[in-house]
Amino acid sequence: QVQVVESGGGSVQSGGSLRLSCAASGSSVVSYGMNWYRQAPGKEREVVATIMHDDRTHYVESVEGRFTISRDNAKNTVYLQMNNLEPEDTAVYYCNAGRNNFYYWGQGTQVTVSS
């Protein structure tokens, strides 16, 4: 069983940056696909960025060029570097570890961007 804990959220002004961390425990996630999702008030949860076990990455179009997902297998941690933040990025951000149709979720971390 994998446990993931997100951290690094906070409040920033438009144009600012934050780096979210997702620390995994219970098992190595080196062979897992790791995802960052977000859910804004009144909206459905959406996948923001994915990094596969082979380090291939995917991003939702709205964050392409501004967000970067990366992983440090030695630390069993995944990061989401968020630059040039916009008010539309305000949401609770969740980390997700997935493999063989099993998915493990964290509790989320709040990101608030003010204009």
C-alpha atoms as a PDB file:
ATOM      1  CA  GLN A   1       0.000   0.000   0.000  1.00  0.00           C
ATOM      2  CA  VAL A   2       1.224   3.457  -0.929  1.00  0.00           C
ATOM      3  CA  GLN A   3       0.569   6.594   1.040  1.00  0.00           C
ATOM      4  CA  VAL A   4       1.131   9.999  -0.530  1.00  0.00           C
ATOM      5  CA  VAL A   5       1.220  13.347   1.238  1.00  0.00           C
ATOM      6  CA  GLU A   6       1.142  16.672  -0.552  1.00  0.00           C
ATOM      7  CA  SER A   7       2.770  19.850   0.683  1.00  0.00           C
ATOM      8  CA  GLY A   8       3.851  23.238  -0.589  1.00  0.00           C
ATOM      9  CA  GLY A   9       0.525  24.909  -1.220  1.00  0.00           C
ATOM     10  CA  GLY A  10      -0.173  28.465  -0.212  1.00  0.00           C
ATOM     11  CA  SER A  11      -1.333  31.879  -1.332  1.00  0.00           C
ATOM     12  CA  VAL A  12       0.494  33.865  -3.989  1.00  0.00           C
ATOM     13  CA  GLN A  13      -0.200  36.767  -6.276  1.00  0.00           C
ATOM     14  CA  SER A  14      -0.733  36.383  -9.982  1.00  0.00           C
ATOM     15  CA  GLY A  15       2.583  35.746 -11.709  1.00  0.00           C
ATOM     16  CA  GLY A  16       4.087  34.072  -8.652  1.00  0.00           C
ATOM     17  CA  SER A  17       5.471  30.574  -8.229  1.00  0.00           C
ATOM     18  CA  LEU A  18       4.984  27.609  -5.951  1.00  0.00           C
ATOM     19  CA  ARG A  19       6.495  24.158  -5.810  1.00  0.00           C
ATOM     20  CA  LEU A  20       4.298  21.332  -4.636  1.00  0.00           C
ATOM     21  CA  SER A  21       5.759  18.129  -3.257  1.00  0.00           C
ATOM     22  CA  CYS A  22       4.226  14.680  -3.091  1.00  0.00           C
ATOM     23  CA  ALA A  23       6.059  12.413  -0.680  1.00  0.00           C
ATOM     24  CA  ALA A  24       5.280   8.721  -1.010  1.00  0.00           C
ATOM     25  CA  SER A  25       5.730   6.064   1.643  1.00  0.00           C
ATOM     26  CA  GLY A  26       4.896   2.422   2.168  1.00  0.00           C
ATOM     27  CA  SER A  27       6.418   1.383  -1.123  1.00  0.00           C
ATOM     28  CA  SER A  28       8.708   2.756  -3.778  1.00  0.00           C
ATOM     29  CA  VAL A  29       6.809   4.567  -6.505  1.00  0.00           C
ATOM     30  CA  VAL A  30       9.585   4.246  -9.079  1.00  0.00           C
ATOM     31  CA  SER A  31       7.357   2.005 -11.221  1.00  0.00           C
ATOM     32  CA  TYR A  32       4.215   4.085 -10.722  1.00  0.00           C
ATOM     33  CA  GLY A  33       2.702   6.726 -12.909  1.00  0.00           C
ATOM     34  CA  MET A  34       2.425   9.837 -10.798  1.00  0.00           C
ATOM     35  CA  ASN A  35      -0.203  12.478 -11.380  1.00  0.00           C
ATOM     36  CA  TRP A  36      -1.168  15.875 -10.108  1.00  0.00           C
ATOM     37  CA  TYR A  37      -4.866  16.677 -10.182  1.00  0.00           C
ATOM     38  CA  ARG A  38      -6.693  19.805  -9.089  1.00  0.00           C
ATOM     39  CA  GLN A  39     -10.224  20.650  -8.160  1.00  0.00           C
ATOM     40  CA  ALA A  40     -11.535  24.190  -8.107  1.00  0.00           C
ATOM     41  CA  PRO A  41     -14.753  25.133  -6.267  1.00  0.00           C
ATOM     42  CA  GLY A  42     -17.769  24.034  -8.251  1.00  0.00           C
ATOM     43  CA  LYS A  43     -15.681  22.232 -10.853  1.00  0.00           C
ATOM     44  CA  GLU A  44     -14.750  18.640 -11.526  1.00  0.00           C
ATOM     45  CA  ARG A  45     -11.359  17.300 -10.604  1.00  0.00           C
ATOM     46  CA  GLU A  46      -8.980  17.437 -13.571  1.00  0.00           C
ATOM     47  CA  VAL A  47      -5.580  15.949 -14.218  1.00  0.00           C
ATOM     48  CA  VAL A  48      -2.960  18.667 -14.519  1.00  0.00           C
ATOM     49  CA  ALA A  49       0.292  16.802 -15.082  1.00  0.00           C
ATOM     50  CA  THR A  50       1.526  13.228 -15.323  1.00  0.00           C
ATOM     51  CA  ILE A  51       4.958  11.663 -15.160  1.00  0.00           C
ATOM     52  CA  MET A  52       5.283   8.056 -16.162  1.00  0.00           C
ATOM     53  CA  HIS A  53       7.714   5.477 -14.754  1.00  0.00           C
ATOM     54  CA  ASP A  54       9.970   6.192 -17.760  1.00  0.00           C
ATOM     55  CA  ASP A  55       9.839   9.955 -17.089  1.00  0.00           C
ATOM     56  CA  ARG A  56       7.575  10.791 -20.007  1.00  0.00           C
ATOM     57  CA  THR A  57       5.408  13.750 -19.064  1.00  0.00           C
ATOM     58  CA  HIS A  58       2.015  15.085 -20.077  1.00  0.00           C
ATOM     59  CA  TYR A  59       0.278  18.330 -19.224  1.00  0.00           C
ATOM     60  CA  VAL A  60      -3.176  19.754 -19.588  1.00  0.00           C
ATOM     61  CA  GLU A  61      -3.079  22.503 -22.179  1.00  0.00           C
ATOM     62  CA  SER A  62      -3.875  25.278 -19.730  1.00  0.00           C
ATOM     63  CA  VAL A  63      -0.630  24.736 -17.783  1.00  0.00           C
ATOM     64  CA  GLU A  64       1.677  23.781 -20.645  1.00  0.00           C
ATOM     65  CA  GLY A  65       4.828  25.886 -20.461  1.00  0.00           C
ATOM     66  CA  ARG A  66       4.109  27.103 -16.928  1.00  0.00           C
ATOM     67  CA  PHE A  67       4.103  23.906 -14.844  1.00  0.00           C
ATOM     68  CA  THR A  68       6.790  21.233 -14.675  1.00  0.00           C
ATOM     69  CA  ILE A  69       6.374  17.808 -13.114  1.00  0.00           C
ATOM     70  CA  SER A  70       9.432  15.891 -11.996  1.00  0.00           C
ATOM     71  CA  ARG A  71      10.329  12.971  -9.773  1.00  0.00           C
ATOM     72  CA  ASP A  72      13.186  12.138  -7.435  1.00  0.00           C
ATOM     73  CA  ASN A  73      13.171   8.377  -7.064  1.00  0.00           C
ATOM     74  CA  ALA A  74      15.850   8.470  -4.379  1.00  0.00           C
ATOM     75  CA  LYS A  75      13.490  10.553  -2.233  1.00  0.00           C
ATOM     76  CA  ASN A  76      10.338   8.770  -3.416  1.00  0.00           C
ATOM     77  CA  THR A  77       8.937  12.212  -4.136  1.00  0.00           C
ATOM     78  CA  VAL A  78       7.254  13.928  -7.058  1.00  0.00           C
ATOM     79  CA  TYR A  79       7.208  17.674  -7.561  1.00  0.00           C
ATOM     80  CA  LEU A  80       5.085  20.154  -9.420  1.00  0.00           C
ATOM     81  CA  GLN A  81       6.852  23.430 -10.132  1.00  0.00           C
ATOM     82  CA  MET A  82       4.240  26.053 -10.920  1.00  0.00           C
ATOM     83  CA  ASN A  83       5.360  29.331 -12.459  1.00  0.00           C
ATOM     84  CA  ASN A  84       3.468  32.360 -13.716  1.00  0.00           C
ATOM     85  CA  LEU A  85       0.447  31.371 -11.676  1.00  0.00           C
ATOM     86  CA  GLU A  86      -2.942  32.738 -12.617  1.00  0.00           C
ATOM     87  CA  PRO A  87      -6.125  33.151 -10.548  1.00  0.00           C
ATOM     88  CA  GLU A  88      -7.611  30.329 -12.616  1.00  0.00           C
ATOM     89  CA  ASP A  89      -5.036  27.992 -11.058  1.00  0.00           C
ATOM     90  CA  THR A  90      -6.719  28.370  -7.661  1.00  0.00           C
ATOM     91  CA  ALA A  91      -7.732  24.899  -6.521  1.00  0.00           C
ATOM     92  CA  VAL A  92      -6.973  22.052  -4.184  1.00  0.00           C
ATOM     93  CA  TYR A  93      -4.119  20.075  -5.720  1.00  0.00           C
ATOM     94  CA  TYR A  94      -3.981  16.321  -5.243  1.00  0.00           C
ATOM     95  CA  CYS A  95      -1.227  13.824  -5.831  1.00  0.00           C
ATOM     96  CA  ASN A  96      -2.071  10.391  -7.205  1.00  0.00           C
ATOM     97  CA  ALA A  97       0.084   7.294  -7.611  1.00  0.00           C
ATOM     98  CA  GLY A  98      -1.162   4.709 -10.065  1.00  0.00           C
ATOM     99  CA  ARG A  99      -0.159   1.263 -11.276  1.00  0.00           C
ATOM    100  CA  ASN A 100      -2.131  -1.678 -12.672  1.00  0.00           C
ATOM    101  CA  ASN A 101      -5.444   0.142 -12.130  1.00  0.00           C
ATOM    102  CA  PHE A 102      -4.703   0.773  -8.463  1.00  0.00           C
ATOM    103  CA  TYR A 103      -4.629   4.423  -7.471  1.00  0.00           C
ATOM    104  CA  TYR A 104      -3.608   6.055  -4.227  1.00  0.00           C
ATOM    105  CA  TRP A 105      -4.624   9.602  -3.356  1.00  0.00           C
ATOM    106  CA  GLY A 106      -3.359  12.211  -0.974  1.00  0.00           C
ATOM    107  CA  GLN A 107      -5.481  14.644   1.012  1.00  0.00           C
ATOM    108  CA  GLY A 108      -4.637  17.623  -1.138  1.00  0.00           C
ATOM    109  CA  THR A 109      -3.011  21.011  -0.658  1.00  0.00           C
ATOM    110  CA  GLN A 110      -4.687  24.352  -1.287  1.00  0.00           C
ATOM    111  CA  VAL A 111      -3.281  26.771  -3.846  1.00  0.00           C
ATOM    112  CA  THR A 112      -4.785  30.251  -3.972  1.00  0.00           C
ATOM    113  CA  VAL A 113      -3.742  32.806  -6.562  1.00  0.00           C
ATOM    114  CA  SER A 114      -4.937  36.381  -6.198  1.00  0.00           C
ATOM    115  CA  SER A 115      -5.037  38.948  -8.966  1.00  0.00           C
END
